[in-house]
């Protein structure tokens, strides 16, 4: 069910209402539990930590993806105002390194329609649009030739039926991979790698990046 809400700025957003309540367990992947945010508009202003490492605000989409990466891949990414802003990041940081040595890995932007498909552990980044004003991020937990399975929080806040939240169709046209979501547009996926990545796969110059949001008191860093 959807409720249309008009904000003071005259923007319109869609609140997805579920049968779960804030803090309910929705599912789990690789031992990383996803919790309900109640509804997509709720902001808890509660910080969450995993082994003293900040994972984000309970129970937003960014928090689950960061917590999954901390737990499963021993990496994290810096704080950002909105999920869509992740597309502008260039690195992730290793955690739990011996002697607390700081090490960064390059973060590669792979636009939707790339010659390289999504892989497990990649971040799926959604664009800011009317009805989804801060974008969205999900983590790839499994793939096939025709589908991508994601783990996430605060999408529809419904209980997962398996060890993933949703299955997204993956289409191949002229050797290029397109991840399909009929609700909102996907910018692409992000991969982290210790070294060089295939030049033809990613957007080195940030040509797919949006402009900085220069409106008064912008909620997100980029449009």
C-alpha atoms as a PDB file:
ATOM      1  CA  UNK A   1       0.000   0.000   0.000  1.00  0.00           C
ATOM      2  CA  UNK A   2       1.259   3.522  -0.736  1.00  0.00           C
ATOM      3  CA  UNK A   3       0.456   6.795   0.998  1.00  0.00           C
ATOM      4  CA  UNK A   4       1.135  10.019  -0.892  1.00  0.00           C
ATOM      5  CA  UNK A   5       2.609  12.721   1.320  1.00  0.00           C
ATOM      6  CA  UNK A   6       3.119  16.390   0.386  1.00  0.00           C
ATOM      7  CA  UNK A   7       6.119  18.062   1.966  1.00  0.00           C
ATOM      8  CA  UNK A   8       6.500  21.764   2.719  1.00  0.00           C
ATOM      9  CA  UNK A   9       8.833  22.024  -0.294  1.00  0.00           C
ATOM     10  CA  UNK A  10       5.927  20.830  -2.475  1.00  0.00           C
ATOM     11  CA  UNK A  11       7.798  17.665  -3.263  1.00  0.00           C
ATOM     12  CA  UNK A  12       5.916  14.383  -3.308  1.00  0.00           C
ATOM     13  CA  UNK A  13       7.227  11.165  -1.887  1.00  0.00           C
ATOM     14  CA  UNK A  14       5.793   7.695  -1.584  1.00  0.00           C
ATOM     15  CA  UNK A  15       5.772   6.062   1.837  1.00  0.00           C
ATOM     16  CA  UNK A  16       5.726   2.295   1.630  1.00  0.00           C
ATOM     17  CA  UNK A  17       3.649   0.869   4.453  1.00  0.00           C
ATOM     18  CA  UNK A  18       4.288  -2.683   5.654  1.00  0.00           C
ATOM     19  CA  UNK A  19       2.884  -5.034   8.249  1.00  0.00           C
ATOM     20  CA  UNK A  20       6.129  -5.021  10.254  1.00  0.00           C
ATOM     21  CA  UNK A  21       7.021  -2.742  13.138  1.00  0.00           C
ATOM     22  CA  UNK A  22      10.183  -0.801  13.833  1.00  0.00           C
ATOM     23  CA  UNK A  23      12.948  -3.159  14.943  1.00  0.00           C
ATOM     24  CA  UNK A  24      11.273  -6.364  13.752  1.00  0.00           C
ATOM     25  CA  UNK A  25      13.602  -8.874  12.107  1.00  0.00           C
ATOM     26  CA  UNK A  26      12.933  -9.068   8.368  1.00  0.00           C
ATOM     27  CA  UNK A  27      15.542 -11.592   7.338  1.00  0.00           C
ATOM     28  CA  UNK A  28      19.239 -12.369   7.268  1.00  0.00           C
ATOM     29  CA  UNK A  29      22.068 -12.957   4.834  1.00  0.00           C
ATOM     30  CA  UNK A  30      25.522 -14.231   5.763  1.00  0.00           C
ATOM     31  CA  UNK A  31      24.560 -13.777   9.409  1.00  0.00           C
ATOM     32  CA  UNK A  32      23.717 -10.095   8.916  1.00  0.00           C
ATOM     33  CA  UNK A  33      20.188  -9.417  10.165  1.00  0.00           C
ATOM     34  CA  UNK A  34      17.932  -6.901   8.420  1.00  0.00           C
ATOM     35  CA  UNK A  35      15.557  -4.942  10.657  1.00  0.00           C
ATOM     36  CA  UNK A  36      12.339  -3.128   9.861  1.00  0.00           C
ATOM     37  CA  UNK A  37      12.289   0.653   9.852  1.00  0.00           C
ATOM     38  CA  UNK A  38       8.512   0.553  10.327  1.00  0.00           C
ATOM     39  CA  UNK A  39       7.839   2.673   7.265  1.00  0.00           C
ATOM     40  CA  UNK A  40      10.177   4.224   4.738  1.00  0.00           C
ATOM     41  CA  UNK A  41       9.708   7.789   6.006  1.00  0.00           C
ATOM     42  CA  UNK A  42      10.664   7.143   9.637  1.00  0.00           C
ATOM     43  CA  UNK A  43      13.982   8.553  10.888  1.00  0.00           C
ATOM     44  CA  UNK A  44      15.155   7.083  14.194  1.00  0.00           C
ATOM     45  CA  UNK A  45      18.211   9.311  14.771  1.00  0.00           C
ATOM     46  CA  UNK A  46      19.702   6.292  16.572  1.00  0.00           C
ATOM     47  CA  UNK A  47      23.257   5.300  15.686  1.00  0.00           C
ATOM     48  CA  UNK A  48      24.230   1.662  15.374  1.00  0.00           C
ATOM     49  CA  UNK A  49      27.651   0.075  15.842  1.00  0.00           C
ATOM     50  CA  UNK A  50      29.110  -3.313  15.004  1.00  0.00           C
ATOM     51  CA  UNK A  51      32.194  -4.177  17.065  1.00  0.00           C
ATOM     52  CA  UNK A  52      32.575  -0.478  17.927  1.00  0.00           C
ATOM     53  CA  UNK A  53      32.524   0.449  14.234  1.00  0.00           C
ATOM     54  CA  UNK A  54      29.797   2.850  13.154  1.00  0.00           C
ATOM     55  CA  UNK A  55      27.373   1.221  10.729  1.00  0.00           C
ATOM     56  CA  UNK A  56      24.820   4.009  10.376  1.00  0.00           C
ATOM     57  CA  UNK A  57      21.397   5.112  11.524  1.00  0.00           C
ATOM     58  CA  UNK A  58      18.901   2.442  12.580  1.00  0.00           C
ATOM     59  CA  UNK A  59      17.360   0.968  10.348  1.00  0.00           C
ATOM     60  CA  UNK A  60      18.102   2.769   7.147  1.00  0.00           C
ATOM     61  CA  UNK A  61      19.217   1.176   3.875  1.00  0.00           C
ATOM     62  CA  UNK A  62      22.745   2.583   4.212  1.00  0.00           C
ATOM     63  CA  UNK A  63      23.104   1.028   7.668  1.00  0.00           C
ATOM     64  CA  UNK A  64      22.399  -2.505   6.442  1.00  0.00           C
ATOM     65  CA  UNK A  65      24.797  -2.300   3.522  1.00  0.00           C
ATOM     66  CA  UNK A  66      27.580  -0.849   5.655  1.00  0.00           C
ATOM     67  CA  UNK A  67      26.987  -3.459   8.386  1.00  0.00           C
ATOM     68  CA  UNK A  68      27.012  -6.261   5.780  1.00  0.00           C
ATOM     69  CA  UNK A  69      30.319  -5.006   4.382  1.00  0.00           C
ATOM     70  CA  UNK A  70      31.847  -4.663   7.862  1.00  0.00           C
ATOM     71  CA  UNK A  71      30.745  -8.163   8.855  1.00  0.00           C
ATOM     72  CA  UNK A  72      31.313 -10.076   5.621  1.00  0.00           C
ATOM     73  CA  UNK A  73      34.074  -8.155   3.816  1.00  0.00           C
ATOM     74  CA  UNK A  74      35.815  -6.226   6.634  1.00  0.00           C
ATOM     75  CA  UNK A  75      35.364  -2.915   4.840  1.00  0.00           C
ATOM     76  CA  UNK A  76      33.301   0.218   5.354  1.00  0.00           C
ATOM     77  CA  UNK A  77      32.589   3.518   3.607  1.00  0.00           C
ATOM     78  CA  UNK A  78      32.382   7.068   4.859  1.00  0.00           C
ATOM     79  CA  UNK A  79      29.224   8.758   6.081  1.00  0.00           C
ATOM     80  CA  UNK A  80      27.048  10.402   3.442  1.00  0.00           C
ATOM     81  CA  UNK A  81      23.791  12.397   3.738  1.00  0.00           C
ATOM     82  CA  UNK A  82      21.811  10.263   1.265  1.00  0.00           C
ATOM     83  CA  UNK A  83      22.073   6.789  -0.212  1.00  0.00           C
ATOM     84  CA  UNK A  84      22.385   8.214  -3.730  1.00  0.00           C
ATOM     85  CA  UNK A  85      25.491  10.151  -2.646  1.00  0.00           C
ATOM     86  CA  UNK A  86      27.416   6.866  -2.371  1.00  0.00           C
ATOM     87  CA  UNK A  87      27.808   6.989  -6.161  1.00  0.00           C
ATOM     88  CA  UNK A  88      30.247   9.877  -5.721  1.00  0.00           C
ATOM     89  CA  UNK A  89      32.589   8.021  -3.339  1.00  0.00           C
ATOM     90  CA  UNK A  90      35.963   6.805  -4.594  1.00  0.00           C
ATOM     91  CA  UNK A  91      37.099   4.453  -1.846  1.00  0.00           C
ATOM     92  CA  UNK A  92      36.190   2.078   0.957  1.00  0.00           C
ATOM     93  CA  UNK A  93      38.292   1.473   4.067  1.00  0.00           C
ATOM     94  CA  UNK A  94      39.491  -1.794   5.527  1.00  0.00           C
ATOM     95  CA  UNK A  95      38.498  -2.491   9.137  1.00  0.00           C
ATOM     96  CA  UNK A  96      39.928  -4.830  11.766  1.00  0.00           C
ATOM     97  CA  UNK A  97      43.399  -4.581  10.228  1.00  0.00           C
ATOM     98  CA  UNK A  98      46.395  -5.684  12.380  1.00  0.00           C
ATOM     99  CA  UNK A  99      47.791  -2.835  14.486  1.00  0.00           C
ATOM    100  CA  UNK A 100      44.858  -0.697  13.286  1.00  0.00           C
ATOM    101  CA  UNK A 101      46.707   0.048  10.057  1.00  0.00           C
ATOM    102  CA  UNK A 102      44.492   2.127   7.774  1.00  0.00           C
ATOM    103  CA  UNK A 103      44.106   0.788   4.252  1.00  0.00           C
ATOM    104  CA  UNK A 104      41.795   1.959   1.497  1.00  0.00           C
ATOM    105  CA  UNK A 105      40.464   0.080  -1.504  1.00  0.00           C
ATOM    106  CA  UNK A 106      39.349   1.773  -4.702  1.00  0.00           C
ATOM    107  CA  UNK A 107      35.584   1.955  -5.221  1.00  0.00           C
ATOM    108  CA  UNK A 108      34.531   1.698  -8.866  1.00  0.00           C
ATOM    109  CA  UNK A 109      31.340   3.126 -10.400  1.00  0.00           C
ATOM    110  CA  UNK A 110      29.827   0.692 -12.898  1.00  0.00           C
ATOM    111  CA  UNK A 111      26.893   2.388 -14.668  1.00  0.00           C
ATOM    112  CA  UNK A 112      23.744   0.436 -15.437  1.00  0.00           C
ATOM    113  CA  UNK A 113      24.335  -0.757 -18.988  1.00  0.00           C
ATOM    114  CA  UNK A 114      27.993  -1.657 -18.457  1.00  0.00           C
ATOM    115  CA  UNK A 115      29.740  -4.591 -20.141  1.00  0.00           C
ATOM    116  CA  UNK A 116      30.464  -5.959 -16.647  1.00  0.00           C
ATOM    117  CA  UNK A 117      27.607  -7.522 -14.612  1.00  0.00           C
ATOM    118  CA  UNK A 118      26.944  -7.018 -10.885  1.00  0.00           C
ATOM    119  CA  UNK A 119      28.782  -9.357  -8.528  1.00  0.00           C
ATOM    120  CA  UNK A 120      28.214 -10.526  -4.957  1.00  0.00           C
ATOM    121  CA  UNK A 121      29.124  -7.777  -2.506  1.00  0.00           C
ATOM    122  CA  UNK A 122      28.525  -4.952  -4.984  1.00  0.00           C
ATOM    123  CA  UNK A 123      26.442  -1.959  -3.917  1.00  0.00           C
ATOM    124  CA  UNK A 124      23.351  -1.222  -6.027  1.00  0.00           C
ATOM    125  CA  UNK A 125      22.752   2.547  -6.093  1.00  0.00           C
ATOM    126  CA  UNK A 126      19.363   4.111  -6.868  1.00  0.00           C
ATOM    127  CA  UNK A 127      18.879   7.602  -8.254  1.00  0.00           C
ATOM    128  CA  UNK A 128      17.082  10.414  -6.418  1.00  0.00           C
ATOM    129  CA  UNK A 129      13.672  10.944  -8.009  1.00  0.00           C
ATOM    130  CA  UNK A 130      10.206  12.080  -7.010  1.00  0.00           C
ATOM    131  CA  UNK A 131       8.897   9.379  -4.710  1.00  0.00           C
ATOM    132  CA  UNK A 132      12.418   8.362  -3.701  1.00  0.00           C
ATOM    133  CA  UNK A 133      14.003  11.612  -2.591  1.00  0.00           C
ATOM    134  CA  UNK A 134      17.189  10.205  -1.048  1.00  0.00           C
ATOM    135  CA  UNK A 135      17.797   7.298  -3.414  1.00  0.00           C
ATOM    136  CA  UNK A 136      18.407   3.803  -2.083  1.00  0.00           C
ATOM    137  CA  UNK A 137      21.231   1.305  -1.691  1.00  0.00           C
ATOM    138  CA  UNK A 138      21.133  -2.492  -1.576  1.00  0.00           C
ATOM    139  CA  UNK A 139      23.837  -5.147  -1.400  1.00  0.00           C
ATOM    140  CA  UNK A 140      24.170  -7.923  -3.979  1.00  0.00           C
ATOM    141  CA  UNK A 141      24.012 -11.261  -2.139  1.00  0.00           C
ATOM    142  CA  UNK A 142      23.678 -13.628  -5.102  1.00  0.00           C
ATOM    143  CA  UNK A 143      23.559 -13.584  -8.901  1.00  0.00           C
ATOM    144  CA  UNK A 144      22.558 -15.738 -11.853  1.00  0.00           C
ATOM    145  CA  UNK A 145      22.764 -15.033 -15.576  1.00  0.00           C
ATOM    146  CA  UNK A 146      19.306 -13.476 -15.470  1.00  0.00           C
ATOM    147  CA  UNK A 147      18.791 -12.230 -11.904  1.00  0.00           C
ATOM    148  CA  UNK A 148      20.433 -10.301  -9.088  1.00  0.00           C
ATOM    149  CA  UNK A 149      19.401 -10.985  -5.488  1.00  0.00           C
ATOM    150  CA  UNK A 150      19.782  -8.187  -2.951  1.00  0.00           C
ATOM    151  CA  UNK A 151      19.772  -7.688   0.790  1.00  0.00           C
ATOM    152  CA  UNK A 152      18.520  -4.377   2.143  1.00  0.00           C
ATOM    153  CA  UNK A 153      16.631  -2.413   4.761  1.00  0.00           C
ATOM    154  CA  UNK A 154      13.908   0.206   4.454  1.00  0.00           C
ATOM    155  CA  UNK A 155      12.719  -0.688   0.978  1.00  0.00           C
ATOM    156  CA  UNK A 156       9.264  -2.073   1.708  1.00  0.00           C
ATOM    157  CA  UNK A 157      10.036  -3.304   5.262  1.00  0.00           C
ATOM    158  CA  UNK A 158       8.430  -6.652   4.492  1.00  0.00           C
ATOM    159  CA  UNK A 159       9.709  -9.984   5.800  1.00  0.00           C
ATOM    160  CA  UNK A 160      12.148 -11.750   3.479  1.00  0.00           C
ATOM    161  CA  UNK A 161      10.953 -15.098   2.184  1.00  0.00           C
ATOM    162  CA  UNK A 162      14.506 -16.438   1.772  1.00  0.00           C
ATOM    163  CA  UNK A 163      18.029 -15.176   2.487  1.00  0.00           C
ATOM    164  CA  UNK A 164      17.468 -12.119   0.304  1.00  0.00           C
ATOM    165  CA  UNK A 165      14.992  -9.272   0.132  1.00  0.00           C
ATOM    166  CA  UNK A 166      14.264  -9.056  -3.597  1.00  0.00           C
ATOM    167  CA  UNK A 167      15.142 -10.549  -6.967  1.00  0.00           C
ATOM    168  CA  UNK A 168      15.898  -8.028  -9.717  1.00  0.00           C
ATOM    169  CA  UNK A 169      15.877  -9.009 -13.408  1.00  0.00           C
ATOM    170  CA  UNK A 170      19.220  -8.720 -15.215  1.00  0.00           C
ATOM    171  CA  UNK A 171      18.900  -8.186 -18.958  1.00  0.00           C
ATOM    172  CA  UNK A 172      21.718  -8.414 -21.494  1.00  0.00           C
ATOM    173  CA  UNK A 173      21.499  -6.362 -24.691  1.00  0.00           C
ATOM    174  CA  UNK A 174      24.393  -6.110 -27.160  1.00  0.00           C
ATOM    175  CA  UNK A 175      26.759  -7.407 -24.508  1.00  0.00           C
ATOM    176  CA  UNK A 176      25.694  -4.803 -21.934  1.00  0.00           C
ATOM    177  CA  UNK A 177      24.056  -5.577 -18.588  1.00  0.00           C
ATOM    178  CA  UNK A 178      20.936  -3.766 -17.447  1.00  0.00           C
ATOM    179  CA  UNK A 179      19.550  -4.187 -13.932  1.00  0.00           C
ATOM    180  CA  UNK A 180      15.793  -3.636 -14.024  1.00  0.00           C
ATOM    181  CA  UNK A 181      13.577  -2.102 -11.346  1.00  0.00           C
ATOM    182  CA  UNK A 182      10.167  -0.940 -12.506  1.00  0.00           C
ATOM    183  CA  UNK A 183       9.656   1.259  -9.428  1.00  0.00           C
ATOM    184  CA  UNK A 184      12.730   3.509  -9.456  1.00  0.00           C
ATOM    185  CA  UNK A 185      15.796   4.024 -11.692  1.00  0.00           C
ATOM    186  CA  UNK A 186      19.094   2.346 -10.817  1.00  0.00           C
ATOM    187  CA  UNK A 187      22.242   4.388 -11.477  1.00  0.00           C
ATOM    188  CA  UNK A 188      24.470   1.329 -11.387  1.00  0.00           C
ATOM    189  CA  UNK A 189      26.561  -0.808  -9.058  1.00  0.00           C
ATOM    190  CA  UNK A 190      29.813  -0.217  -7.208  1.00  0.00           C
ATOM    191  CA  UNK A 191      32.677  -2.649  -6.809  1.00  0.00           C
ATOM    192  CA  UNK A 192      35.744  -2.393  -4.564  1.00  0.00           C
ATOM    193  CA  UNK A 193      39.061  -3.838  -5.561  1.00  0.00           C
ATOM    194  CA  UNK A 194      42.665  -3.788  -4.371  1.00  0.00           C
ATOM    195  CA  UNK A 195      44.295  -2.823  -7.644  1.00  0.00           C
ATOM    196  CA  UNK A 196      43.229  -1.902 -11.154  1.00  0.00           C
ATOM    197  CA  UNK A 197      39.816  -2.733 -12.553  1.00  0.00           C
ATOM    198  CA  UNK A 198      38.767  -3.380 -16.129  1.00  0.00           C
ATOM    199  CA  UNK A 199      38.898   0.010 -17.841  1.00  0.00           C
ATOM    200  CA  UNK A 200      35.862  -0.706 -20.022  1.00  0.00           C
ATOM    201  CA  UNK A 201      33.687  -1.536 -17.009  1.00  0.00           C
ATOM    202  CA  UNK A 202      33.635   1.570 -14.891  1.00  0.00           C
ATOM    203  CA  UNK A 203      33.150   5.323 -15.012  1.00  0.00           C
ATOM    204  CA  UNK A 204      36.585   6.672 -14.122  1.00  0.00           C
ATOM    205  CA  UNK A 205      35.747  10.333 -14.821  1.00  0.00           C
ATOM    206  CA  UNK A 206      32.418  10.325 -12.974  1.00  0.00           C
ATOM    207  CA  UNK A 207      30.515  11.149 -16.170  1.00  0.00           C
ATOM    208  CA  UNK A 208      27.479   9.387 -14.681  1.00  0.00           C
ATOM    209  CA  UNK A 209      27.642  11.503 -11.513  1.00  0.00           C
ATOM    210  CA  UNK A 210      25.026  14.149 -10.811  1.00  0.00           C
ATOM    211  CA  UNK A 211      25.714  17.793 -10.003  1.00  0.00           C
ATOM    212  CA  UNK A 212      26.149  19.093  -6.480  1.00  0.00           C
ATOM    213  CA  UNK A 213      22.883  20.225  -4.910  1.00  0.00           C
ATOM    214  CA  UNK A 214      23.300  23.974  -4.417  1.00  0.00           C
ATOM    215  CA  UNK A 215      19.799  24.660  -3.139  1.00  0.00           C
ATOM    216  CA  UNK A 216      19.369  26.256   0.275  1.00  0.00           C
ATOM    217  CA  UNK A 217      19.913  23.678   3.039  1.00  0.00           C
ATOM    218  CA  UNK A 218      20.039  20.656   0.711  1.00  0.00           C
ATOM    219  CA  UNK A 219      19.308  17.318   2.345  1.00  0.00           C
ATOM    220  CA  UNK A 220      21.580  15.415  -0.051  1.00  0.00           C
ATOM    221  CA  UNK A 221      24.996  16.458  -1.337  1.00  0.00           C
ATOM    222  CA  UNK A 222      24.135  15.806  -4.972  1.00  0.00           C
ATOM    223  CA  UNK A 223      21.046  16.177  -7.131  1.00  0.00           C
END
